[in-house]
Protein backbone atom coordinates (compact mmCIF):
# COMPACT_ATOMS: atom_id res chain seq x y z
CA UNK A 1 3.39 15.85 -20.95
CA UNK A 2 -0.11 16.09 -22.47
CA UNK A 3 1.05 13.87 -25.35
CA UNK A 4 1.77 11.10 -22.84
CA UNK A 5 -1.81 11.02 -21.50
CA UNK A 6 -3.57 7.77 -22.35
CA UNK A 7 -6.89 8.26 -20.56
CA UNK A 8 -8.58 10.51 -18.04
CA UNK A 9 -11.74 10.52 -15.95
CA UNK A 10 -13.40 12.55 -13.19
CA UNK A 11 -13.87 10.75 -9.87
CA UNK A 12 -17.41 11.41 -8.68
CA UNK A 13 -16.73 11.00 -4.95
CA UNK A 14 -13.87 13.52 -4.72
CA UNK A 15 -14.27 15.61 -7.88
CA UNK A 16 -10.62 14.98 -8.72
CA UNK A 17 -9.37 14.15 -12.19
CA UNK A 18 -7.62 10.81 -12.62
CA UNK A 19 -5.12 10.58 -15.47
CA UNK A 20 -3.14 7.63 -16.79
CA UNK A 21 -0.06 8.67 -18.71
CA UNK A 22 2.87 6.87 -20.28
CA UNK A 23 6.23 6.92 -18.54
CA UNK A 24 8.39 8.65 -21.16
CA UNK A 25 11.54 6.93 -19.88
CA UNK A 26 10.28 3.33 -19.49
CA UNK A 27 8.69 1.55 -22.42
CA UNK A 28 5.50 -0.23 -21.40
CA UNK A 29 5.25 1.64 -18.09
CA UNK A 30 2.47 4.00 -16.96
CA UNK A 31 1.71 6.38 -14.13
CA UNK A 32 -1.60 7.19 -12.44
CA UNK A 33 -2.03 10.82 -11.38
CA UNK A 34 -5.00 11.89 -9.24
CA UNK A 35 -5.73 15.54 -8.58
CA UNK A 36 -2.31 16.44 -9.96
CA UNK A 37 -0.47 14.14 -7.52
CA UNK A 38 1.34 11.06 -8.90
CA UNK A 39 -0.13 7.97 -7.20
CA UNK A 40 1.09 4.77 -8.81
CA UNK A 41 3.57 3.39 -11.34
CA UNK A 42 2.84 0.23 -13.34
CA UNK A 43 5.08 -1.76 -15.67
CA UNK A 44 2.58 -3.74 -17.76
CA UNK A 45 5.27 -5.98 -19.21
CA UNK A 46 6.73 -6.87 -15.81
CA UNK A 47 4.27 -6.40 -12.93
CA UNK A 48 6.90 -7.77 -10.52
CA UNK A 49 9.03 -4.71 -11.27
CA UNK A 50 8.42 -2.00 -8.64
CA UNK A 51 9.50 1.59 -9.20
CA UNK A 52 9.00 3.77 -6.12
CA UNK A 53 11.13 3.29 -3.00
CA UNK A 54 8.22 2.75 -0.61
CA UNK A 55 6.48 0.31 -2.97
CA UNK A 56 9.68 -1.75 -3.22
CA UNK A 57 9.83 -1.86 0.58
CA UNK A 58 6.25 -3.14 0.71
CA UNK A 59 7.18 -5.68 -1.95
CA UNK A 60 9.95 -6.91 0.34
CA UNK A 61 7.30 -7.53 3.01
CA UNK A 62 5.19 -9.50 0.53
CA UNK A 63 8.27 -11.62 -0.17
CA UNK A 64 8.64 -12.54 3.53
CA UNK A 65 5.12 -13.92 3.96
CA UNK A 66 4.70 -17.69 4.14
CA UNK A 67 6.87 -19.75 1.76
CA UNK A 68 8.18 -18.14 -1.45
CA UNK A 69 5.58 -18.29 -4.21
CA UNK A 70 2.82 -19.56 -1.91
CA UNK A 71 -0.57 -17.83 -2.33
CA UNK A 72 -1.56 -15.36 0.36
CA UNK A 73 -4.64 -13.41 1.35
CA UNK A 74 -4.09 -9.66 0.99
CA UNK A 75 -6.32 -6.63 1.59
CA UNK A 76 -5.42 -3.34 -0.07
CA UNK A 77 -6.88 -0.19 1.52
CA UNK A 78 -6.72 2.21 -1.41
CA UNK A 79 -6.52 1.05 -5.01
CA UNK A 80 -4.28 3.42 -6.94
CA UNK A 81 -3.31 1.72 -10.19
CA UNK A 82 -3.29 -1.68 -8.40
CA UNK A 83 0.50 -1.88 -8.49
CA UNK A 84 0.75 -4.13 -5.44
CA UNK A 85 -2.13 -6.46 -6.37
CA UNK A 86 -0.26 -6.96 -9.65
CA UNK A 87 2.94 -7.72 -7.75
CA UNK A 88 1.19 -10.22 -5.46
CA UNK A 89 -0.31 -12.03 -8.45
CA UNK A 90 3.04 -12.06 -10.30
CA UNK A 91 5.01 -13.42 -7.34
CA UNK A 92 2.29 -15.45 -5.58
CA UNK A 93 -0.22 -16.66 -8.20
CA UNK A 94 -3.72 -17.62 -7.11
CA UNK A 95 -3.64 -15.33 -4.07
CA UNK A 96 -6.96 -14.08 -2.68
CA UNK A 97 -6.98 -10.29 -2.87
CA UNK A 98 -9.39 -7.55 -1.85
CA UNK A 99 -9.29 -3.82 -2.45
CA UNK A 100 -11.30 -1.15 -0.62
CA UNK A 101 -11.53 2.08 -2.62
CA UNK A 102 -13.58 5.22 -2.01
CA UNK A 103 -13.82 6.20 -5.70
CA UNK A 104 -16.08 3.54 -7.17
CA UNK A 105 -15.09 4.32 -10.76
CA UNK A 106 -11.33 4.19 -10.23
CA UNK A 107 -10.74 0.44 -10.44
CA UNK A 108 -12.81 -0.03 -13.64
CA UNK A 109 -11.03 2.97 -15.18
CA UNK A 110 -7.60 1.60 -14.30
CA UNK A 111 -8.24 -2.00 -15.33
CA UNK A 112 -9.75 -0.99 -18.68
CA UNK A 113 -6.57 0.88 -19.60
CA UNK A 114 -4.07 -1.24 -17.65
CA UNK A 115 -5.44 -4.82 -17.48
CA UNK A 116 -4.57 -6.97 -14.48
CA UNK A 117 -2.32 -10.02 -14.95
CA UNK A 118 -4.15 -13.11 -16.12
CA UNK A 119 -5.63 -15.10 -13.24
CA UNK A 120 -5.79 -12.23 -10.72
CA UNK A 121 -8.45 -12.87 -8.06
CA UNK A 122 -9.41 -9.39 -6.87
CA UNK A 123 -12.66 -8.49 -5.10
CA UNK A 124 -13.46 -4.76 -5.04
CA UNK A 125 -15.29 -3.24 -2.06
CA UNK A 126 -16.32 0.36 -2.86
CA UNK A 127 -16.64 2.90 -0.09
CA UNK A 128 -14.77 4.78 2.60
CA UNK A 129 -12.26 2.41 4.21
CA UNK A 130 -13.39 3.16 7.76
CA UNK A 131 -17.03 2.55 6.94
CA UNK A 132 -16.28 -0.68 5.09
CA UNK A 133 -14.09 -2.03 7.90
CA UNK A 134 -16.67 -1.12 10.54
CA UNK A 135 -19.50 -2.59 8.46
CA UNK A 136 -21.50 -5.65 9.35
CA UNK A 137 -19.91 -7.84 6.66
CA UNK A 138 -16.26 -8.83 7.11
CA UNK A 139 -14.18 -8.24 3.98
CA UNK A 140 -12.20 -11.39 4.68
CA UNK A 141 -10.74 -13.34 7.59
CA UNK A 142 -7.22 -14.38 8.53
CA UNK A 143 -5.48 -12.13 5.99
CA UNK A 144 -1.72 -12.47 5.78
CA UNK A 145 -1.35 -8.84 4.78
CA UNK A 146 -3.29 -5.58 4.96
CA UNK A 147 -1.80 -2.58 3.14
CA UNK A 148 -3.02 0.92 4.02
CA UNK A 149 -2.19 3.48 1.34
CA UNK A 150 -4.99 5.98 1.88
CA UNK A 151 -4.61 9.50 0.57
CA UNK A 152 -6.64 12.46 -0.53
CA UNK A 153 -4.12 14.65 -2.28
CA UNK A 154 -0.90 14.26 -0.31
CA UNK A 155 -2.29 13.46 3.15
CA UNK A 156 -4.22 10.70 4.90
CA UNK A 157 -7.64 11.86 6.16
CA UNK A 158 -7.57 12.03 9.99
CA UNK A 159 -10.35 9.46 10.43
CA UNK A 160 -8.18 6.89 8.63
CA UNK A 161 -5.35 7.11 11.15
CA UNK A 162 -7.06 6.54 14.51
CA UNK A 163 -6.75 3.64 16.97
CA UNK A 164 -10.31 2.63 16.15
CA UNK A 165 -9.56 2.47 12.44
CA UNK A 166 -6.40 0.44 12.97
CA UNK A 167 -8.20 -1.86 15.41
CA UNK A 168 -10.77 -2.60 12.71
CA UNK A 169 -7.95 -3.30 10.24
CA UNK A 170 -6.25 -5.60 12.76
CA UNK A 171 -9.39 -7.73 12.96
CA UNK A 172 -8.84 -8.79 9.34
CA UNK A 173 -5.43 -10.26 10.11
CA UNK A 174 -4.32 -13.79 10.88
CA UNK A 175 -2.38 -14.15 14.19
CA UNK A 176 0.96 -13.59 12.41
CA UNK A 177 -0.48 -11.24 9.79
CA UNK A 178 1.10 -7.87 9.07
CA UNK A 179 -0.40 -4.44 8.52
CA UNK A 180 1.70 -2.17 6.31
CA UNK A 181 1.11 1.60 6.27
CA UNK A 182 2.59 3.96 3.70
CA UNK A 183 3.31 7.33 5.34
CA UNK A 184 4.10 10.32 3.13
CA UNK A 185 5.61 12.98 5.34
CA UNK A 186 7.09 16.44 5.69
CA UNK A 187 10.28 17.46 7.48
CA UNK A 188 9.97 16.70 11.19
CA UNK A 189 7.78 13.61 10.57
CA UNK A 190 4.41 14.95 11.82
CA UNK A 191 2.42 12.36 9.85
CA UNK A 192 4.57 9.49 11.08
CA UNK A 193 4.05 10.55 14.70
CA UNK A 194 0.28 10.69 14.16
CA UNK A 195 0.19 7.21 12.63
CA UNK A 196 2.42 5.70 15.32
CA UNK A 197 0.29 7.21 18.10
CA UNK A 198 -2.74 5.53 16.54
CA UNK A 199 -1.02 2.19 15.91
CA UNK A 200 0.74 1.78 19.26
CA UNK A 201 -2.41 0.98 21.33
CA UNK A 202 -3.39 -1.72 18.81
CA UNK A 203 -0.16 -3.47 17.78
CA UNK A 204 2.59 -4.52 20.20
CA UNK A 205 5.22 -4.81 17.46
CA UNK A 206 6.01 -1.91 15.11
CA UNK A 207 8.84 -1.58 12.59
CA UNK A 208 9.79 1.45 10.50
CA UNK A 209 11.38 1.04 7.06
CA UNK A 210 12.45 3.79 4.68
CA UNK A 211 15.27 5.85 3.24
CA UNK A 212 17.90 6.78 5.79
CA UNK A 213 16.99 10.47 5.44
CA UNK A 214 13.37 9.70 6.40
CA UNK A 215 13.95 7.14 9.15
CA UNK A 216 16.98 8.59 10.94
CA UNK A 217 16.85 12.28 10.04
CA UNK A 218 13.06 12.87 9.90
CA UNK A 219 13.34 14.45 6.46
CA UNK A 220 10.43 14.68 4.01
CA UNK A 221 9.64 11.49 2.11
CA UNK A 222 7.84 8.17 2.37
CA UNK A 223 8.31 5.75 5.24
CA UNK A 224 6.66 2.38 5.69
CA UNK A 225 5.36 1.19 9.07
CA UNK A 226 4.94 -2.55 9.66
CA UNK A 227 2.63 -3.60 12.48
CA UNK A 228 1.83 -7.04 13.87
CA UNK A 229 0.51 -8.80 16.93
CA UNK A 230 3.26 -11.38 16.48
CA UNK A 231 6.92 -10.95 17.51
CA UNK A 232 7.80 -13.02 14.41
CA UNK A 233 7.80 -9.71 12.56
CA UNK A 234 11.06 -8.79 14.29
CA UNK A 235 12.75 -11.86 12.84
CA UNK A 236 12.38 -10.33 9.38
CA UNK A 237 14.60 -7.33 10.10
CA UNK A 238 17.88 -8.68 8.62
CA UNK A 239 16.13 -9.80 5.42
CA UNK A 240 14.27 -6.50 5.06
CA UNK A 241 17.50 -4.55 5.54
CA UNK A 242 19.23 -6.67 2.90
CA UNK A 243 16.32 -6.27 0.46
CA UNK A 244 16.67 -2.47 0.44
CA UNK A 245 16.34 -0.17 -1.40
CA UNK A 246 19.63 1.35 -0.28
CA UNK A 247 20.55 3.59 1.44
CA UNK A 248 17.85 2.77 3.93
CA UNK A 249 17.10 1.85 7.50
CA UNK A 250 14.81 -0.74 9.09
CA UNK A 251 14.38 -0.84 12.85
CA UNK A 252 11.79 -1.52 15.56
CA UNK A 253 9.91 1.57 16.69
CA UNK A 254 11.19 2.67 20.07
CA UNK A 255 14.45 0.77 19.73
């Protein structure tokens, strides 16, 4: 595996090592690993190609926004290897995008090794996501999409899954905008319960998407929560179910 390493750096804010390594099974593809935990997968030759199940489910949400191919405004809470900003640019060129990332050196490290698609409009806001969202300067207004993928190791820090945090995230959204939260969980879904308890006071409409084992059996894995102030979110359910990946389940929370 060491032979596959392309670059490495030490993240000052967390002390973790970030490594970019080649995917030995996919030519032109790379993986970002932080603190020993795989974080992101990027296909440089085809940024519209998504690898992980939960990332493909978020991509299906991106596809539902506005008209196909129309630019959107997206805010990414957590940078990773910028897989989803790449996807947004590939499928919706000229979109306005923002990323909030605690580790100030991560985005320059990633983009030096894995350049963004030509024309990508990405503003980087360094700092803790809660502090940035509660700051005096608004990151953007009327965003179509906010994606929360915030992890230290394999868990989301508790202060990034509170009603106050999600209320601040909701203030970035347009009236029909959607917040998407990636939830990596253990058997019994303790993390999902914590996120839903924080989201429910803020958003009247919640949808859970994920592998059948995660959604219906509460097995370990990644689920994706969609949250919106608009009931229009519920109209997407048939399309999201059809988009997959399969086997999977998509249903309103509480239904």
